[in-house]
Amino acid sequence: CDPFLDCDKNHMSPDEVLANLFDVDNCGNVAIKIGNCD
């Protein structure tokens, strides 16, 4: 795992960053992705 925001992505707006944290679950509902690096 590496930091999502780095020198290449430091231009992203907060909305663009947050959009990468969401997905859909097995039921098709919007869900926030929660994980860990281990």
All heavy atoms as atom14 arrays in JSON, in Angstrom:
{
  "sequence": "CDPFLDCDKNHMSPDEVLANLFDVDNCGNVAIKIGNCD",
  "atom14_mask": [
    [1, 1, 1, 1, 1, 1, 0, 0, 0, 0, 0, 0, 0, 0],
    [1, 1, 1, 1, 1, 1, 1, 1, 0, 0, 0, 0, 0, 0],
    [1, 1, 1, 1, 1, 1, 1, 0, 0, 0, 0, 0, 0, 0],
    [1, 1, 1, 1, 1, 1, 1, 1, 1, 1, 1, 0, 0, 0],
    [1, 1, 1, 1, 1, 1, 1, 1, 0, 0, 0, 0, 0, 0],
    [1, 1, 1, 1, 1, 1, 1, 1, 0, 0, 0, 0, 0, 0],
    [1, 1, 1, 1, 1, 1, 0, 0, 0, 0, 0, 0, 0, 0],
    [1, 1, 1, 1, 1, 1, 1, 1, 0, 0, 0, 0, 0, 0],
    [1, 1, 1, 1, 1, 1, 1, 1, 1, 0, 0, 0, 0, 0],
    [1, 1, 1, 1, 1, 1, 1, 1, 0, 0, 0, 0, 0, 0],
    [1, 1, 1, 1, 1, 1, 1, 1, 1, 1, 0, 0, 0, 0],
    [1, 1, 1, 1, 1, 1, 1, 1, 0, 0, 0, 0, 0, 0],
    [1, 1, 1, 1, 1, 1, 0, 0, 0, 0, 0, 0, 0, 0],
    [1, 1, 1, 1, 1, 1, 1, 0, 0, 0, 0, 0, 0, 0],
    [1, 1, 1, 1, 1, 1, 1, 1, 0, 0, 0, 0, 0, 0],
    [1, 1, 1, 1, 1, 1, 1, 1, 1, 0, 0, 0, 0, 0],
    [1, 1, 1, 1, 1, 1, 1, 0, 0, 0, 0, 0, 0, 0],
    [1, 1, 1, 1, 1, 1, 1, 1, 0, 0, 0, 0, 0, 0],
    [1, 1, 1, 1, 1, 0, 0, 0, 0, 0, 0, 0, 0, 0],
    [1, 1, 1, 1, 1, 1, 1, 1, 0, 0, 0, 0, 0, 0],
    [1, 1, 1, 1, 1, 1, 1, 1, 0, 0, 0, 0, 0, 0],
    [1, 1, 1, 1, 1, 1, 1, 1, 1, 1, 1, 0, 0, 0],
    [1, 1, 1, 1, 1, 1, 1, 1, 0, 0, 0, 0, 0, 0],
    [1, 1, 1, 1, 1, 1, 1, 0, 0, 0, 0, 0, 0, 0],
    [1, 1, 1, 1, 1, 1, 1, 1, 0, 0, 0, 0, 0, 0],
    [1, 1, 1, 1, 1, 1, 1, 1, 0, 0, 0, 0, 0, 0],
    [1, 1, 1, 1, 1, 1, 0, 0, 0, 0, 0, 0, 0, 0],
    [1, 1, 1, 1, 0, 0, 0, 0, 0, 0, 0, 0, 0, 0],
    [1, 1, 1, 1, 1, 1, 1, 1, 0, 0, 0, 0, 0, 0],
    [1, 1, 1, 1, 1, 1, 1, 0, 0, 0, 0, 0, 0, 0],
    [1, 1, 1, 1, 1, 0, 0, 0, 0, 0, 0, 0, 0, 0],
    [1, 1, 1, 1, 1, 1, 1, 1, 0, 0, 0, 0, 0, 0],
    [1, 1, 1, 1, 1, 1, 1, 1, 1, 0, 0, 0, 0, 0],
    [1, 1, 1, 1, 1, 1, 1, 1, 0, 0, 0, 0, 0, 0],
    [1, 1, 1, 1, 0, 0, 0, 0, 0, 0, 0, 0, 0, 0],
    [1, 1, 1, 1, 1, 1, 1, 1, 0, 0, 0, 0, 0, 0],
    [1, 1, 1, 1, 1, 1, 0, 0, 0, 0, 0, 0, 0, 0],
    [1, 1, 1, 1, 1, 1, 1, 1, 0, 0, 0, 0, 0, 0]
  ],
  "atom14_positions": [
    [[0.83, -1.2, 0.0], [0.0, 0.0, 0.0], [0.87, 1.25, 0.0], [1.9, 1.3, 0.66], [-0.89, 0.04, 1.24], [-2.06, -1.3, 1.33], [0.0, 0.0, 0.0], [0.0, 0.0, 0.0], [0.0, 0.0, 0.0], [0.0, 0.0, 0.0], [0.0, 0.0, 0.0], [0.0, 0.0, 0.0], [0.0, 0.0, 0.0], [0.0, 0.0, 0.0]],
    [[0.43, 2.23, -0.75], [1.09, 3.53, -0.8], [0.03, 4.61, -0.59], [-1.16, 4.37, -0.82], [1.76, 3.75, -2.16], [2.91, 2.8, -2.39], [3.77, 2.69, -1.5], [2.95, 2.16, -3.46], [0.0, 0.0, 0.0], [0.0, 0.0, 0.0], [0.0, 0.0, 0.0], [0.0, 0.0, 0.0], [0.0, 0.0, 0.0], [0.0, 0.0, 0.0]],
    [[0.42, 5.8, -0.18], [-0.55, 6.89, -0.06], [-1.24, 7.14, -1.4], [-0.6, 7.1, -2.46], [0.3, 8.09, 0.34], [1.53, 7.52, 0.94], [1.77, 6.23, 0.21], [0.0, 0.0, 0.0], [0.0, 0.0, 0.0], [0.0, 0.0, 0.0], [0.0, 0.0, 0.0], [0.0, 0.0, 0.0], [0.0, 0.0, 0.0], [0.0, 0.0, 0.0]],
    [[-2.54, 7.35, -1.38], [-3.28, 7.62, -2.62], [-2.87, 8.97, -3.19], [-2.65, 9.12, -4.38], [-4.79, 7.57, -2.37], [-5.59, 7.87, -3.6], [-5.6, 6.99, -4.68], [-6.32, 9.04, -3.72], [-6.32, 7.26, -5.83], [-7.05, 9.32, -4.86], [-7.05, 8.42, -5.92], [0.0, 0.0, 0.0], [0.0, 0.0, 0.0], [0.0, 0.0, 0.0]],
    [[-2.79, 9.98, -2.31], [-2.39, 11.31, -2.77], [-0.86, 11.39, -2.77], [-0.21, 11.15, -1.76], [-2.97, 12.4, -1.89], [-4.46, 12.61, -2.02], [-4.94, 13.68, -1.06], [-4.85, 12.95, -3.44], [0.0, 0.0, 0.0], [0.0, 0.0, 0.0], [0.0, 0.0, 0.0], [0.0, 0.0, 0.0], [0.0, 0.0, 0.0], [0.0, 0.0, 0.0]],
    [[-0.31, 11.71, -3.92], [1.13, 11.88, -4.06], [1.38, 13.04, -5.01], [0.45, 13.76, -5.38], [1.79, 10.59, -4.55], [1.23, 10.09, -5.87], [0.64, 10.89, -6.62], [1.39, 8.9, -6.17], [0.0, 0.0, 0.0], [0.0, 0.0, 0.0], [0.0, 0.0, 0.0], [0.0, 0.0, 0.0], [0.0, 0.0, 0.0], [0.0, 0.0, 0.0]],
    [[2.6, 13.23, -5.45], [2.94, 14.35, -6.32], [2.17, 14.3, -7.64], [1.86, 15.34, -8.23], [4.44, 14.37, -6.6], [5.41, 14.77, -5.15], [0.0, 0.0, 0.0], [0.0, 0.0, 0.0], [0.0, 0.0, 0.0], [0.0, 0.0, 0.0], [0.0, 0.0, 0.0], [0.0, 0.0, 0.0], [0.0, 0.0, 0.0], [0.0, 0.0, 0.0]],
    [[1.83, 13.1, -8.11], [1.1, 12.98, -9.38], [-0.4, 13.27, -9.23], [-1.07, 13.58, -10.21], [1.27, 11.57, -9.96], [2.7, 11.29, -10.37], [3.41, 12.24, -10.78], [3.12, 10.12, -10.27], [0.0, 0.0, 0.0], [0.0, 0.0, 0.0], [0.0, 0.0, 0.0], [0.0, 0.0, 0.0], [0.0, 0.0, 0.0], [0.0, 0.0, 0.0]],
    [[-0.92, 13.15, -8.02], [-2.36, 13.32, -7.82], [-2.71, 14.51, -6.94], [-3.85, 14.65, -6.53], [-2.93, 12.04, -7.19], [-2.81, 10.82, -8.06], [-3.43, 9.63, -7.37], [-3.1, 8.36, -8.1], [-2.54, 7.35, -7.24], [0.0, 0.0, 0.0], [0.0, 0.0, 0.0], [0.0, 0.0, 0.0], [0.0, 0.0, 0.0], [0.0, 0.0, 0.0]],
    [[-1.75, 15.37, -6.62], [-2.02, 16.46, -5.69], [-2.93, 17.54, -6.27], [-3.32, 18.45, -5.57], [-0.73, 17.07, -5.15], [0.1, 17.75, -6.22], [-0.31, 17.86, -7.37], [1.28, 18.21, -5.83], [0.0, 0.0, 0.0], [0.0, 0.0, 0.0], [0.0, 0.0, 0.0], [0.0, 0.0, 0.0], [0.0, 0.0, 0.0], [0.0, 0.0, 0.0]],
    [[-3.29, 17.44, -7.53], [-4.2, 18.4, -8.16], [-5.66, 18.0, -8.0], [-6.55, 18.77, -8.35], [-3.89, 18.47, -9.66], [-4.15, 17.17, -10.37], [-3.26, 16.12, -10.32], [-5.22, 16.75, -11.09], [-3.77, 15.11, -11.0], [-4.96, 15.46, -11.47], [0.0, 0.0, 0.0], [0.0, 0.0, 0.0], [0.0, 0.0, 0.0], [0.0, 0.0, 0.0]],
    [[-5.92, 16.81, -7.46], [-7.29, 16.3, -7.37], [-8.11, 17.09, -6.35], [-7.6, 17.45, -5.29], [-7.29, 14.82, -7.0], [-6.64, 13.94, -8.05], [-6.56, 12.21, -7.55], [-8.27, 11.75, -7.82], [0.0, 0.0, 0.0], [0.0, 0.0, 0.0], [0.0, 0.0, 0.0], [0.0, 0.0, 0.0], [0.0, 0.0, 0.0], [0.0, 0.0, 0.0]],
    [[-9.36, 17.32, -6.69], [-10.27, 17.99, -5.75], [-10.7, 16.99, -4.68], [-10.62, 15.78, -4.88], [-11.5, 18.51, -6.49], [-12.33, 17.42, -6.86], [0.0, 0.0, 0.0], [0.0, 0.0, 0.0], [0.0, 0.0, 0.0], [0.0, 0.0, 0.0], [0.0, 0.0, 0.0], [0.0, 0.0, 0.0], [0.0, 0.0, 0.0], [0.0, 0.0, 0.0]],
    [[-11.19, 17.49, -3.55], [-11.7, 16.57, -2.52], [-12.79, 15.63, -3.06], [-12.83, 14.46, -2.7], [-12.25, 17.51, -1.45], [-11.42, 18.74, -1.59], [-11.18, 18.87, -3.09], [0.0, 0.0, 0.0], [0.0, 0.0, 0.0], [0.0, 0.0, 0.0], [0.0, 0.0, 0.0], [0.0, 0.0, 0.0], [0.0, 0.0, 0.0], [0.0, 0.0, 0.0]],
    [[-13.65, 16.13, -3.95], [-14.69, 15.28, -4.52], [-14.1, 14.15, -5.36], [-14.58, 13.03, -5.33], [-15.66, 16.09, -5.38], [-16.58, 16.97, -4.54], [-16.76, 16.66, -3.35], [-17.12, 17.94, -5.09], [0.0, 0.0, 0.0], [0.0, 0.0, 0.0], [0.0, 0.0, 0.0], [0.0, 0.0, 0.0], [0.0, 0.0, 0.0], [0.0, 0.0, 0.0]],
    [[-13.03, 14.43, -6.11], [-12.37, 13.4, -6.92], [-11.71, 12.36, -6.02], [-11.76, 11.16, -6.32], [-11.33, 14.02, -7.85], [-11.91, 14.84, -8.97], [-10.83, 15.57, -9.76], [-10.03, 16.31, -9.14], [-10.8, 15.38, -10.98], [0.0, 0.0, 0.0], [0.0, 0.0, 0.0], [0.0, 0.0, 0.0], [0.0, 0.0, 0.0], [0.0, 0.0, 0.0]],
    [[-11.11, 12.8, -4.93], [-10.47, 11.87, -4.0], [-11.53, 10.98, -3.36], [-11.4, 9.75, -3.33], [-9.67, 12.63, -2.92], [-9.16, 11.67, -1.85], [-8.52, 13.4, -3.55], [0.0, 0.0, 0.0], [0.0, 0.0, 0.0], [0.0, 0.0, 0.0], [0.0, 0.0, 0.0], [0.0, 0.0, 0.0], [0.0, 0.0, 0.0], [0.0, 0.0, 0.0]],
    [[-12.6, 11.59, -2.86], [-13.65, 10.82, -2.2], [-14.34, 9.83, -3.14], [-14.72, 8.74, -2.71], [-14.68, 11.75, -1.57], [-14.2, 12.51, -0.34], [-15.26, 13.48, 0.13], [-13.82, 11.55, 0.76], [0.0, 0.0, 0.0], [0.0, 0.0, 0.0], [0.0, 0.0, 0.0], [0.0, 0.0, 0.0], [0.0, 0.0, 0.0], [0.0, 0.0, 0.0]],
    [[-14.48, 10.18, -4.4], [-15.13, 9.28, -5.36], [-14.39, 7.95, -5.45], [-15.01, 6.91, -5.72], [-15.21, 9.93, -6.73], [0.0, 0.0, 0.0], [0.0, 0.0, 0.0], [0.0, 0.0, 0.0], [0.0, 0.0, 0.0], [0.0, 0.0, 0.0], [0.0, 0.0, 0.0], [0.0, 0.0, 0.0], [0.0, 0.0, 0.0], [0.0, 0.0, 0.0]],
    [[-13.09, 7.94, -5.18], [-12.31, 6.71, -5.23], [-12.53, 5.82, -4.01], [-12.09, 4.68, -3.99], [-10.82, 7.04, -5.36], [-10.47, 7.49, -6.75], [-10.28, 6.68, -7.63], [-10.44, 8.79, -6.96], [0.0, 0.0, 0.0], [0.0, 0.0, 0.0], [0.0, 0.0, 0.0], [0.0, 0.0, 0.0], [0.0, 0.0, 0.0], [0.0, 0.0, 0.0]],
    [[-13.19, 6.33, -3.0], [-13.46, 5.56, -1.78], [-14.79, 4.83, -1.82], [-15.1, 4.09, -0.9], [-13.45, 6.49, -0.56], [-12.12, 7.12, -0.21], [-12.3, 8.11, 0.94], [-11.11, 6.06, 0.17], [0.0, 0.0, 0.0], [0.0, 0.0, 0.0], [0.0, 0.0, 0.0], [0.0, 0.0, 0.0], [0.0, 0.0, 0.0], [0.0, 0.0, 0.0]],
    [[-15.56, 5.01, -2.88], [-16.89, 4.41, -2.95], [-16.99, 3.4, -4.07], [-16.3, 3.48, -5.07], [-17.96, 5.5, -3.1], [-18.13, 6.33, -1.86], [-17.31, 7.42, -1.62], [-19.08, 6.0, -0.92], [-17.44, 8.18, -0.47], [-19.23, 6.75, 0.23], [-18.41, 7.84, 0.46], [0.0, 0.0, 0.0], [0.0, 0.0, 0.0], [0.0, 0.0, 0.0]],
    [[-17.89, 2.43, -3.89], [-18.11, 1.34, -4.84], [-19.55, 0.88, -4.62], [-20.32, 1.57, -3.95], [-17.12, 0.21, -4.52], [-16.9, -0.74, -5.68], [-17.58, -0.59, -6.71], [-16.05, -1.63, -5.55], [0.0, 0.0, 0.0], [0.0, 0.0, 0.0], [0.0, 0.0, 0.0], [0.0, 0.0, 0.0], [0.0, 0.0, 0.0], [0.0, 0.0, 0.0]],
    [[-19.91, -0.25, -5.16], [-21.21, -0.84, -4.87], [-21.0, -2.19, -4.21], [-20.02, -2.89, -4.48], [-22.09, -1.0, -6.14], [-22.48, 0.34, -6.7], [-21.39, -1.82, -7.18], [0.0, 0.0, 0.0], [0.0, 0.0, 0.0], [0.0, 0.0, 0.0], [0.0, 0.0, 0.0], [0.0, 0.0, 0.0], [0.0, 0.0, 0.0], [0.0, 0.0, 0.0]],
    [[-21.92, -2.57, -3.33], [-21.82, -3.87, -2.67], [-22.5, -4.94, -3.51], [-22.94, -4.67, -4.64], [-22.41, -3.8, -1.25], [-23.9, -3.5, -1.22], [-24.57, -3.57, -2.28], [-24.41, -3.2, -0.12], [0.0, 0.0, 0.0], [0.0, 0.0, 0.0], [0.0, 0.0, 0.0], [0.0, 0.0, 0.0], [0.0, 0.0, 0.0], [0.0, 0.0, 0.0]],
    [[-22.59, -6.16, -2.98], [-23.18, -7.28, -3.72], [-24.66, -7.08, -4.04], [-25.2, -7.77, -4.91], [-22.99, -8.59, -2.95], [-21.54, -9.0, -2.89], [-20.73, -8.6, -3.72], [-21.19, -9.79, -1.88], [0.0, 0.0, 0.0], [0.0, 0.0, 0.0], [0.0, 0.0, 0.0], [0.0, 0.0, 0.0], [0.0, 0.0, 0.0], [0.0, 0.0, 0.0]],
    [[-25.31, -6.17, -3.33], [-26.73, -5.89, -3.57], [-26.94, -4.7, -4.5], [-28.06, -4.31, -4.76], [-27.43, -5.64, -2.24], [-27.38, -7.04, -1.12], [0.0, 0.0, 0.0], [0.0, 0.0, 0.0], [0.0, 0.0, 0.0], [0.0, 0.0, 0.0], [0.0, 0.0, 0.0], [0.0, 0.0, 0.0], [0.0, 0.0, 0.0], [0.0, 0.0, 0.0]],
    [[-25.84, -4.1, -4.97], [-25.94, -2.94, -5.86], [-26.1, -1.62, -5.15], [-26.37, -0.61, -5.78], [0.0, 0.0, 0.0], [0.0, 0.0, 0.0], [0.0, 0.0, 0.0], [0.0, 0.0, 0.0], [0.0, 0.0, 0.0], [0.0, 0.0, 0.0], [0.0, 0.0, 0.0], [0.0, 0.0, 0.0], [0.0, 0.0, 0.0], [0.0, 0.0, 0.0]],
    [[-25.93, -1.6, -3.83], [-26.03, -0.37, -3.05], [-24.68, 0.33, -2.98], [-23.63, -0.32, -2.93], [-26.49, -0.68, -1.62], [-27.86, -1.28, -1.59], [-28.79, -0.77, -2.18], [-28.01, -2.41, -0.89], [0.0, 0.0, 0.0], [0.0, 0.0, 0.0], [0.0, 0.0, 0.0], [0.0, 0.0, 0.0], [0.0, 0.0, 0.0], [0.0, 0.0, 0.0]],
    [[-24.7, 1.65, -2.97], [-23.47, 2.42, -2.81], [-22.87, 2.09, -1.45], [-23.58, 2.0, -0.45], [-23.75, 3.94, -2.91], [-22.5, 4.74, -2.6], [-24.27, 4.28, -4.3], [0.0, 0.0, 0.0], [0.0, 0.0, 0.0], [0.0, 0.0, 0.0], [0.0, 0.0, 0.0], [0.0, 0.0, 0.0], [0.0, 0.0, 0.0], [0.0, 0.0, 0.0]],
    [[-21.55, 1.87, -1.42], [-20.85, 1.51, -0.18], [-19.48, 2.17, -0.17], [-18.84, 2.31, -1.2], [-20.71, 0.0, -0.08], [0.0, 0.0, 0.0], [0.0, 0.0, 0.0], [0.0, 0.0, 0.0], [0.0, 0.0, 0.0], [0.0, 0.0, 0.0], [0.0, 0.0, 0.0], [0.0, 0.0, 0.0], [0.0, 0.0, 0.0], [0.0, 0.0, 0.0]],
    [[-19.05, 2.58, 1.02], [-17.69, 3.08, 1.17], [-16.77, 1.88, 1.29], [-17.12, 0.87, 1.91], [-17.57, 4.03, 2.38], [-16.22, 4.74, 2.37], [-17.8, 3.32, 3.69], [-16.13, 5.92, 3.31], [0.0, 0.0, 0.0], [0.0, 0.0, 0.0], [0.0, 0.0, 0.0], [0.0, 0.0, 0.0], [0.0, 0.0, 0.0], [0.0, 0.0, 0.0]],
    [[-15.59, 1.94, 0.65], [-14.63, 0.85, 0.73], [-13.76, 1.05, 1.97], [-13.19, 2.11, 2.17], [-13.74, 0.82, -0.52], [-14.49, 0.51, -1.79], [-13.58, 0.39, -2.98], [-13.08, 1.74, -3.42], [-12.3, 1.7, -4.68], [0.0, 0.0, 0.0], [0.0, 0.0, 0.0], [0.0, 0.0, 0.0], [0.0, 0.0, 0.0], [0.0, 0.0, 0.0]],
    [[-13.71, 0.02, 2.81], [-12.89, 0.05, 4.02], [-11.92, -1.11, 3.93], [-12.31, -2.24, 3.65], [-13.77, -0.06, 5.29], [-14.71, 1.15, 5.37], [-12.9, -0.18, 6.53], [-15.65, 1.12, 6.53], [0.0, 0.0, 0.0], [0.0, 0.0, 0.0], [0.0, 0.0, 0.0], [0.0, 0.0, 0.0], [0.0, 0.0, 0.0], [0.0, 0.0, 0.0]],
    [[-10.66, -0.83, 4.17], [-9.67, -1.89, 4.08], [-8.47, -1.6, 4.94], [-8.42, -0.64, 5.7], [0.0, 0.0, 0.0], [0.0, 0.0, 0.0], [0.0, 0.0, 0.0], [0.0, 0.0, 0.0], [0.0, 0.0, 0.0], [0.0, 0.0, 0.0], [0.0, 0.0, 0.0], [0.0, 0.0, 0.0], [0.0, 0.0, 0.0], [0.0, 0.0, 0.0]],
    [[-7.5, -2.48, 4.82], [-6.24, -2.3, 5.51], [-5.13, -2.82, 4.62], [-5.38, -3.5, 3.64], [-6.25, -2.99, 6.88], [-6.6, -4.45, 6.77], [-6.17, -5.13, 5.84], [-7.37, -4.94, 7.7], [0.0, 0.0, 0.0], [0.0, 0.0, 0.0], [0.0, 0.0, 0.0], [0.0, 0.0, 0.0], [0.0, 0.0, 0.0], [0.0, 0.0, 0.0]],
    [[-3.92, -2.5, 4.96], [-2.77, -2.86, 4.11], [-2.17, -4.21, 4.46], [-1.23, -4.64, 3.81], [-1.7, -1.79, 4.2], [-2.15, -0.29, 3.34], [0.0, 0.0, 0.0], [0.0, 0.0, 0.0], [0.0, 0.0, 0.0], [0.0, 0.0, 0.0], [0.0, 0.0, 0.0], [0.0, 0.0, 0.0], [0.0, 0.0, 0.0], [0.0, 0.0, 0.0]],
    [[-2.7, -4.9, 5.47], [-2.06, -6.16, 5.86], [-2.57, -7.35, 5.05], [-2.19, -8.48, 5.29], [-2.19, -6.42, 7.35], [-3.6, -6.73, 7.8], [-4.5, -6.84, 6.96], [-3.79, -6.87, 9.02], [0.0, 0.0, 0.0], [0.0, 0.0, 0.0], [0.0, 0.0, 0.0], [0.0, 0.0, 0.0], [0.0, 0.0, 0.0], [0.0, 0.0, 0.0]]
  ]
}
